[in-house]
Amino acid sequence: MNKTIAILATLDTKGEEARFVAKELEKLGSQPLLVDLGVLGKVTEAAEIPREEVAKAGGTPLENLQNEATREHAVPVMVAGAACLLRERLDRGELHGVLGLGGLQGTAACTEVMRTFPYGLPKLMVSTVASGDTSAYVDIKDITMMFSVGDILGLNRFTRKILANAAGAVHGMAQVEAGLEIDPAGKPLIGMTNLGVLTTGAMHALELFEKAGYEVVVFHAVGSGGRAMEQMIKQGILGAVFDYAMGEIADAVHGGLRAADADRLTVAGEMGIPQVLCPGGAEHLGVLVDPPNTIPERYREHASVFHNPVVFVPRLKGDEFAAVAKEIGRRLQHTTGNACMLLPTRGTGSYAKPGGPLHDPDSDRAFFAALKAAVPSSIEWVERDTHAEDPKFVEEAVSRLVELVEKRR
């Protein structure tokens, strides 16, 4: 079966290059679908989905966009239109991959379209800005960024090779048979959060889940990881959660670099899926420092350690840690059941356990008291006199989550 690959580009400035990619896809056996995101310039290549159709689907006739010729006005319309038209094809099984071509403006528009599509659909962005910070373009979606090296402006022996490689890459991804099908009657895919201060425990948990017949997606809880997990819960990809690391909440409260968004720690409860919770790594912040190995003035009175030369880790004091507990409780208010808070009273991570550089039992006690007061009664509360990476603690967490899952099946 020929796979259909959408090519997103402005066909006034990138027409020749887009058509070259289309021909390369045809050689490989894929069916190209040119989508014109341009508005003003003269069209140099005909598109299967012309700009007039894109603008209409986005809610504004092309003529109106041309009369009010600003990027701020036109781009959101063209992005919405392209996303709508391609999503209809995806829902009908008529779209198998997306490839974008662009510079600064084109990359922003193409990747905004790509971020509307589900995980697993191949998404490749050939971009002049792919060698820099691409976080704004990728966000939490599985978008592959490919640096075009030269500008996407004219064909020559070099750009032809780069674009041919791009065509080969997205064609190959579209051929992959592995899917993300969810079997409602089968064992759910489990999401688990992790931080470096919990990795030993996380590895033990993975072994235990595997023995029990469960697959686990581990999310590095540094902001993007937690947001991705919440998104995958919303989409039904994950059916249970071991939320082992909550440093993202601490950083959200106190302005650290690992902060996630307002959805963090809310979606599993709202959807009612089984979850075991542990505030791992919430006792400290992640703070980016420049120059390296320098202690910010505001944290000179805090116990601290350097996670690496540019990530400084201050321990939260009693009231600061208690504020994190209150925020965790606030975010869990929609959790009405199928959940257990498992608390390691001798330390929430390797830095905080006895002998660790951030061990502070007085601050821990203030946190535990505030957390117990804030967590809704619908969540089972269990305290264990151990630290978060203790094998017995991890074994109980895994056992409790498996039990919650099995009760629902």
Protein backbone atom coordinates (compact mmCIF):
# COMPACT_ATOMS: atom_id res chain seq x y z
CA MET A 1 0.00 0.00 0.00
CA ASN A 2 1.34 3.44 -0.95
CA LYS A 3 1.66 5.71 2.08
CA THR A 4 0.54 9.35 1.81
CA ILE A 5 2.99 11.96 3.06
CA ALA A 6 1.84 15.56 3.44
CA ILE A 7 4.43 18.20 2.53
CA LEU A 8 3.90 21.50 4.32
CA ALA A 9 5.51 24.53 2.68
CA THR A 10 4.88 28.01 1.36
CA LEU A 11 4.73 27.35 -2.37
CA ASP A 12 5.69 30.90 -3.31
CA THR A 13 9.16 30.65 -1.72
CA LYS A 14 9.64 26.89 -1.34
CA GLY A 15 7.75 25.58 -4.37
CA GLU A 16 10.70 24.18 -6.31
CA GLU A 17 12.11 22.49 -3.23
CA ALA A 18 8.73 21.05 -2.21
CA ARG A 19 8.15 19.61 -5.67
CA PHE A 20 11.62 18.02 -5.59
CA VAL A 21 10.76 16.33 -2.29
CA ALA A 22 7.46 15.18 -3.77
CA LYS A 23 9.25 13.55 -6.71
CA GLU A 24 11.70 11.84 -4.36
CA LEU A 25 8.81 10.43 -2.35
CA GLU A 26 7.19 9.14 -5.53
CA LYS A 27 10.44 7.38 -6.47
CA LEU A 28 10.41 5.65 -3.11
CA GLY A 29 6.80 4.56 -3.48
CA SER A 30 5.02 7.12 -1.29
CA GLN A 31 2.18 9.38 -2.40
CA PRO A 32 3.05 13.08 -1.81
CA LEU A 33 0.35 15.55 -0.78
CA LEU A 34 1.50 19.14 -1.24
CA VAL A 35 -0.12 21.61 1.18
CA ASP A 36 0.40 25.30 0.45
CA LEU A 37 0.73 27.45 3.58
CA GLY A 38 1.61 30.58 1.61
CA VAL A 39 -0.62 33.64 1.38
CA LEU A 40 0.85 36.50 -0.62
CA GLY A 41 3.52 35.47 -3.11
CA LYS A 42 2.97 33.97 -6.54
CA VAL A 43 2.45 30.21 -6.44
CA THR A 44 5.26 28.44 -8.27
CA GLU A 45 4.00 24.84 -7.88
CA ALA A 46 0.45 23.53 -7.88
CA ALA A 47 -0.66 21.93 -4.62
CA GLU A 48 -3.00 19.05 -3.99
CA ILE A 49 -4.36 21.22 -1.16
CA PRO A 50 -4.09 24.82 -2.43
CA ARG A 51 -3.85 27.86 -0.20
CA GLU A 52 -7.44 28.88 -0.95
CA GLU A 53 -8.71 25.61 0.49
CA VAL A 54 -6.42 25.89 3.52
CA ALA A 55 -7.56 29.44 4.31
CA LYS A 56 -11.23 28.50 3.97
CA ALA A 57 -10.80 25.55 6.32
CA GLY A 58 -9.11 27.92 8.74
CA GLY A 59 -12.18 30.12 8.82
CA THR A 60 -11.15 33.06 6.60
CA PRO A 61 -11.25 33.42 2.79
CA LEU A 62 -7.81 33.81 1.25
CA GLU A 63 -8.81 37.14 -0.27
CA ASN A 64 -9.45 38.54 3.19
CA LEU A 65 -6.04 37.40 4.39
CA GLN A 66 -4.40 39.03 1.40
CA ASN A 67 -6.24 42.29 2.06
CA GLU A 68 -5.03 42.24 5.68
CA ALA A 69 -1.52 41.10 4.86
CA THR A 70 0.14 40.53 8.24
CA ARG A 71 1.76 37.33 9.47
CA GLU A 72 0.04 37.77 12.82
CA HIS A 73 -3.34 37.56 11.10
CA ALA A 74 -2.59 35.03 8.37
CA VAL A 75 -0.48 32.36 10.05
CA PRO A 76 -3.02 31.21 12.68
CA VAL A 77 -5.66 30.84 9.95
CA MET A 78 -3.39 28.81 7.67
CA VAL A 79 -2.19 26.63 10.55
CA ALA A 80 -5.76 25.91 11.67
CA GLY A 81 -6.85 25.16 8.12
CA ALA A 82 -3.98 22.79 7.36
CA ALA A 83 -4.42 20.99 10.68
CA CYS A 84 -8.16 20.56 10.07
CA LEU A 85 -7.82 19.25 6.50
CA LEU A 86 -5.02 16.86 7.35
CA ARG A 87 -6.74 15.60 10.47
CA GLU A 88 -9.76 14.64 8.37
CA ARG A 89 -7.47 12.58 6.16
CA LEU A 90 -5.75 11.04 9.16
CA ASP A 91 -9.10 10.02 10.66
CA ARG A 92 -9.97 8.33 7.36
CA GLY A 93 -6.65 6.46 7.31
CA GLU A 94 -5.41 8.53 4.37
CA LEU A 95 -2.39 10.21 5.98
CA HIS A 96 0.75 8.39 7.10
CA GLY A 97 3.34 11.10 7.67
CA VAL A 98 4.05 14.84 7.56
CA LEU A 99 7.16 16.63 6.28
CA GLY A 100 7.71 20.37 6.63
CA LEU A 101 10.11 22.77 4.91
CA GLY A 102 10.87 26.17 6.37
CA GLY A 103 12.97 28.92 7.88
CA LEU A 104 11.99 30.78 11.01
CA GLN A 105 8.39 31.53 10.02
CA GLY A 106 7.84 28.30 8.13
CA THR A 107 9.25 26.17 10.93
CA ALA A 108 6.94 27.79 13.46
CA ALA A 109 3.88 27.28 11.24
CA CYS A 110 4.68 23.73 10.13
CA THR A 111 5.49 22.46 13.61
CA GLU A 112 2.36 24.08 15.02
CA VAL A 113 0.39 21.98 12.56
CA MET A 114 2.42 18.89 13.48
CA ARG A 115 1.81 19.32 17.20
CA THR A 116 -1.93 18.85 16.63
CA PHE A 117 -1.36 15.25 15.48
CA PRO A 118 -1.17 12.21 17.76
CA TYR A 119 1.98 10.52 18.92
CA GLY A 120 3.27 7.94 16.49
CA LEU A 121 2.43 9.71 13.23
CA PRO A 122 5.81 10.45 11.57
CA LYS A 123 6.62 14.17 11.72
CA LEU A 124 9.81 15.51 10.13
CA MET A 125 10.72 19.21 9.99
CA VAL A 126 13.53 20.24 7.63
CA SER A 127 14.55 23.61 9.00
CA THR A 128 17.25 26.25 8.82
CA VAL A 129 16.97 26.68 12.60
CA ALA A 130 17.13 23.02 13.64
CA SER A 131 20.68 23.32 15.00
CA GLY A 132 19.64 25.69 17.80
CA ASP A 133 17.13 25.47 20.63
CA THR A 134 14.18 23.64 19.08
CA SER A 135 12.09 23.26 22.24
CA ALA A 136 9.53 25.84 21.10
CA TYR A 137 8.96 23.89 17.90
CA VAL A 138 9.01 20.34 19.27
CA ASP A 139 7.43 21.03 22.68
CA ILE A 140 6.25 17.60 23.93
CA LYS A 141 5.49 15.96 20.57
CA ASP A 142 7.54 13.40 18.63
CA ILE A 143 8.72 15.83 15.96
CA THR A 144 12.05 15.05 14.31
CA MET A 145 14.05 18.19 13.48
CA MET A 146 16.52 18.01 10.57
CA PHE A 147 18.98 20.85 9.98
CA SER A 148 18.95 21.92 6.32
CA VAL A 149 22.50 23.36 6.71
CA GLY A 150 22.00 25.75 3.79
CA ASP A 151 18.91 27.88 3.32
CA ILE A 152 15.97 26.19 1.64
CA LEU A 153 16.19 28.55 -1.28
CA GLY A 154 17.09 27.01 -4.62
CA LEU A 155 18.25 23.56 -5.66
CA ASN A 156 21.84 22.49 -6.11
CA ARG A 157 23.79 19.28 -5.64
CA PHE A 158 24.00 19.88 -1.89
CA THR A 159 20.37 20.84 -1.16
CA ARG A 160 19.13 18.02 -3.38
CA LYS A 161 21.01 15.52 -1.22
CA ILE A 162 19.65 16.99 2.03
CA LEU A 163 16.08 17.04 0.75
CA ALA A 164 16.38 13.54 -0.70
CA ASN A 165 17.57 12.31 2.70
CA ALA A 166 14.54 13.98 4.29
CA ALA A 167 12.20 12.26 1.84
CA GLY A 168 13.89 8.94 2.57
CA ALA A 169 13.57 9.47 6.31
CA VAL A 170 9.85 10.24 6.38
CA HIS A 171 9.13 7.52 3.79
CA GLY A 172 10.96 5.01 5.99
CA MET A 173 9.13 6.07 9.13
CA ALA A 174 5.81 5.67 7.36
CA GLN A 175 6.66 2.06 6.47
CA VAL A 176 7.15 1.01 10.08
CA GLU A 177 4.50 -1.49 11.13
CA ALA A 178 4.76 -0.93 14.89
CA GLY A 179 1.73 0.93 16.16
CA LEU A 180 0.27 2.45 19.31
CA GLU A 181 -2.90 0.40 19.32
CA ILE A 182 -4.52 0.18 22.75
CA ASP A 183 -6.26 -3.05 23.73
CA PRO A 184 -9.00 -2.11 26.24
CA ALA A 185 -9.13 -5.70 27.44
CA GLY A 186 -5.36 -6.03 27.82
CA LYS A 187 -2.90 -4.77 30.37
CA PRO A 188 -2.54 -1.00 30.21
CA LEU A 189 0.66 0.82 29.40
CA ILE A 190 1.98 2.41 32.60
CA GLY A 191 3.51 5.86 32.88
CA MET A 192 6.24 6.40 35.48
CA THR A 193 8.02 9.64 36.38
CA ASN A 194 11.68 9.64 37.38
CA LEU A 195 14.53 11.92 38.42
CA GLY A 196 18.23 11.22 38.82
CA VAL A 197 17.78 11.04 42.60
CA LEU A 198 15.35 8.13 42.08
CA THR A 199 16.92 6.20 39.20
CA THR A 200 18.01 3.19 41.27
CA GLY A 201 14.44 2.80 42.50
CA ALA A 202 13.01 3.38 39.03
CA MET A 203 15.18 0.64 37.55
CA HIS A 204 13.99 -1.77 40.24
CA ALA A 205 10.39 -0.80 39.53
CA LEU A 206 10.86 -1.49 35.83
CA GLU A 207 12.10 -5.00 36.60
CA LEU A 208 9.11 -5.65 38.83
CA PHE A 209 6.56 -4.33 36.34
CA GLU A 210 8.12 -6.45 33.60
CA LYS A 211 7.86 -9.56 35.77
CA ALA A 212 4.18 -8.74 36.30
CA GLY A 213 3.65 -8.48 32.54
CA TYR A 214 3.41 -4.69 32.25
CA GLU A 215 5.20 -2.30 29.92
CA VAL A 216 6.24 1.10 31.29
CA VAL A 217 7.04 4.45 29.68
CA VAL A 218 9.46 6.38 31.92
CA PHE A 219 9.26 10.18 31.85
CA HIS A 220 12.15 12.35 33.01
CA ALA A 221 10.28 14.74 35.29
CA VAL A 222 12.02 17.95 34.23
CA GLY A 223 8.97 19.83 32.93
CA SER A 224 8.67 18.46 29.43
CA GLY A 225 8.55 14.89 30.71
CA GLY A 226 5.68 15.45 33.10
CA ARG A 227 3.73 17.44 30.53
CA ALA A 228 4.20 14.66 27.98
CA MET A 229 2.93 12.07 30.43
CA GLU A 230 -0.19 14.09 31.19
CA GLN A 231 -0.84 14.50 27.45
CA MET A 232 -0.49 10.75 26.86
CA ILE A 233 -2.93 10.06 29.69
CA LYS A 234 -5.43 12.41 28.03
CA GLN A 235 -5.05 10.56 24.73
CA GLY A 236 -5.68 7.19 26.36
CA ILE A 237 -2.19 5.87 25.63
CA LEU A 238 -1.42 5.39 29.33
CA GLY A 239 -3.83 3.51 31.56
CA ALA A 240 -2.08 3.69 34.94
CA VAL A 241 0.56 5.86 36.62
CA PHE A 242 3.38 5.40 39.10
CA ASP A 243 4.04 9.09 39.79
CA TYR A 244 7.38 8.56 41.52
CA ALA A 245 8.88 12.05 40.99
CA MET A 246 7.27 15.40 41.83
CA GLY A 247 10.15 17.83 41.56
CA GLU A 248 8.17 19.54 38.82
CA ILE A 249 5.67 20.73 41.42
CA ALA A 250 8.40 22.10 43.69
CA ASP A 251 9.88 24.03 40.78
CA ALA A 252 6.46 25.30 39.72
CA VAL A 253 5.93 26.73 43.22
CA HIS A 254 9.40 28.22 43.64
CA GLY A 255 10.48 29.08 40.08
CA GLY A 256 12.89 26.23 39.29
CA LEU A 257 13.85 25.00 35.85
CA ARG A 258 11.88 21.72 36.07
CA ALA A 259 8.47 23.38 36.38
CA ALA A 260 5.66 21.76 34.39
CA ASP A 261 2.30 23.34 33.59
CA ALA A 262 -1.04 23.55 35.38
CA ASP A 263 -2.13 20.09 34.12
CA ARG A 264 0.66 18.33 35.96
CA LEU A 265 -0.64 15.92 38.60
CA THR A 266 -4.29 16.45 37.64
CA VAL A 267 -5.17 14.35 34.60
CA ALA A 268 -4.94 10.81 36.02
CA GLY A 269 -7.22 11.80 38.88
CA GLU A 270 -9.73 13.52 36.63
CA MET A 271 -9.86 10.46 34.36
CA GLY A 272 -10.01 8.03 37.26
CA ILE A 273 -7.15 5.80 36.18
CA PRO A 274 -5.14 3.89 38.81
CA GLN A 275 -2.19 5.77 40.30
CA VAL A 276 0.37 5.36 43.03
CA LEU A 277 1.91 8.65 44.11
CA CYS A 278 5.24 9.46 45.76
CA PRO A 279 6.66 12.99 46.18
CA GLY A 280 10.11 11.93 45.02
CA GLY A 281 12.64 14.70 44.50
CA ALA A 282 10.22 17.38 45.71
CA GLU A 283 12.47 18.45 48.58
CA HIS A 284 14.84 20.39 46.35
CA LEU A 285 14.82 22.72 43.34
CA GLY A 286 16.68 22.66 40.06
CA VAL A 287 18.25 26.07 39.42
CA LEU A 288 20.22 26.94 36.28
CA VAL A 289 23.38 28.92 37.10
CA ASP A 290 25.82 30.91 34.98
CA PRO A 291 28.75 30.91 35.42
CA PRO A 292 28.93 27.22 36.37
CA ASN A 293 29.41 26.09 39.95
CA THR A 294 28.22 29.37 41.45
CA ILE A 295 25.75 29.53 44.35
CA PRO A 296 22.99 32.14 43.87
CA GLU A 297 22.88 34.69 46.66
CA ARG A 298 19.29 33.83 47.64
CA TYR A 299 20.27 30.22 48.39
CA ARG A 300 23.48 30.78 50.36
CA GLU A 301 21.72 29.81 53.61
CA HIS A 302 20.24 26.62 52.14
CA ALA A 303 21.83 23.18 52.17
CA SER A 304 22.77 22.53 48.58
CA VAL A 305 24.59 20.40 46.05
CA PHE A 306 25.43 20.69 42.36
CA HIS A 307 23.63 18.14 40.19
CA ASN A 308 26.03 19.14 37.42
CA PRO A 309 28.13 22.31 36.92
CA VAL A 310 25.17 24.36 35.67
CA VAL A 311 22.29 22.84 37.66
CA PHE A 312 22.37 23.95 41.28
CA VAL A 313 20.19 22.07 43.77
CA PRO A 314 19.13 23.90 46.97
CA ARG A 315 17.20 22.05 49.69
CA LEU A 316 13.84 23.58 50.56
CA LYS A 317 13.37 24.69 54.16
CA GLY A 318 10.32 23.85 56.28
CA ASP A 319 7.83 26.50 55.14
CA GLU A 320 9.07 26.34 51.55
CA PHE A 321 8.64 22.56 51.47
CA ALA A 322 5.23 22.82 53.13
CA ALA A 323 4.10 25.15 50.33
CA VAL A 324 4.94 22.39 47.85
CA ALA A 325 2.81 19.96 49.86
CA LYS A 326 -0.16 22.31 49.73
CA GLU A 327 0.19 22.65 45.96
CA ILE A 328 0.38 18.88 45.51
CA GLY A 329 -2.80 18.54 47.54
CA ARG A 330 -4.54 21.26 45.55
CA ARG A 331 -3.76 19.54 42.26
CA LEU A 332 -5.06 16.21 43.56
CA GLN A 333 -8.49 17.49 44.59
CA HIS A 334 -10.12 15.95 41.53
CA THR A 335 -8.79 12.48 42.36
CA THR A 336 -11.83 10.58 43.55
CA GLY A 337 -10.37 7.10 43.95
CA ASN A 338 -8.08 4.44 42.52
CA ALA A 339 -5.11 6.23 44.08
CA CYS A 340 -2.61 5.75 46.86
CA MET A 341 -0.10 8.22 48.31
CA LEU A 342 2.90 6.19 49.47
CA LEU A 343 5.17 8.30 51.63
CA PRO A 344 8.85 7.47 52.42
CA THR A 345 9.37 9.25 55.73
CA ARG A 346 13.16 8.83 55.74
CA GLY A 347 13.77 10.76 52.55
CA THR A 348 12.15 11.51 49.20
CA GLY A 349 15.27 10.87 47.12
CA SER A 350 18.93 9.95 47.28
CA TYR A 351 19.97 13.49 48.21
CA ALA A 352 17.48 13.62 51.08
CA LYS A 353 17.94 10.22 52.73
CA PRO A 354 20.07 9.79 55.86
CA GLY A 355 23.68 10.48 54.93
CA GLY A 356 22.67 12.43 51.82
CA PRO A 357 23.82 16.03 51.28
CA LEU A 358 20.26 17.37 51.61
CA HIS A 359 19.05 15.26 54.55
CA ASP A 360 16.80 17.45 56.74
CA PRO A 361 14.32 15.51 58.91
CA ASP A 362 12.80 18.65 60.44
CA SER A 363 11.87 20.03 57.02
CA ASP A 364 10.59 16.59 56.02
CA ARG A 365 8.26 16.48 59.04
CA ALA A 366 6.79 19.88 58.15
CA PHE A 367 6.25 18.67 54.59
CA PHE A 368 4.63 15.38 55.60
CA ALA A 369 2.22 17.12 57.99
CA ALA A 370 1.23 19.70 55.38
CA LEU A 371 0.83 17.02 52.73
CA LYS A 372 -1.38 14.84 54.92
CA ALA A 373 -3.61 17.85 55.60
CA ALA A 374 -3.80 18.78 51.91
CA VAL A 375 -4.35 15.42 50.21
CA PRO A 376 -8.05 14.56 49.75
CA SER A 377 -9.47 11.66 51.75
CA SER A 378 -10.31 9.86 48.50
CA ILE A 379 -6.61 9.02 48.19
CA GLU A 380 -5.33 6.20 50.41
CA TRP A 381 -2.54 7.45 52.68
CA VAL A 382 0.34 5.06 53.52
CA GLU A 383 3.54 5.97 55.40
CA ARG A 384 6.66 3.82 55.43
CA ASP A 385 9.72 4.33 57.65
CA THR A 386 12.18 4.17 54.79
CA HIS A 387 13.51 6.25 51.91
CA ALA A 388 12.15 6.48 48.37
CA GLU A 389 14.74 4.20 46.74
CA ASP A 390 14.57 1.41 49.30
CA PRO A 391 13.78 -1.81 47.41
CA LYS A 392 10.96 -2.72 49.79
CA PHE A 393 9.34 0.69 49.30
CA VAL A 394 9.52 0.33 45.51
CA GLU A 395 8.19 -3.21 45.67
CA GLU A 396 5.17 -2.07 47.67
CA ALA A 397 4.52 0.80 45.24
CA VAL A 398 4.57 -1.56 42.26
CA SER A 399 2.44 -4.15 44.04
CA ARG A 400 -0.17 -1.56 45.01
CA LEU A 401 -0.42 -0.18 41.47
CA VAL A 402 -0.74 -3.64 39.94
CA GLU A 403 -3.49 -4.41 42.47
CA LEU A 404 -5.36 -1.22 41.57
CA VAL A 405 -5.09 -2.05 37.87
CA GLU A 406 -6.25 -5.63 38.30
CA LYS A 407 -9.32 -4.52 40.23
CA ARG A 408 -10.42 -2.45 37.23
CA ARG A 409 -9.93 -5.17 34.60
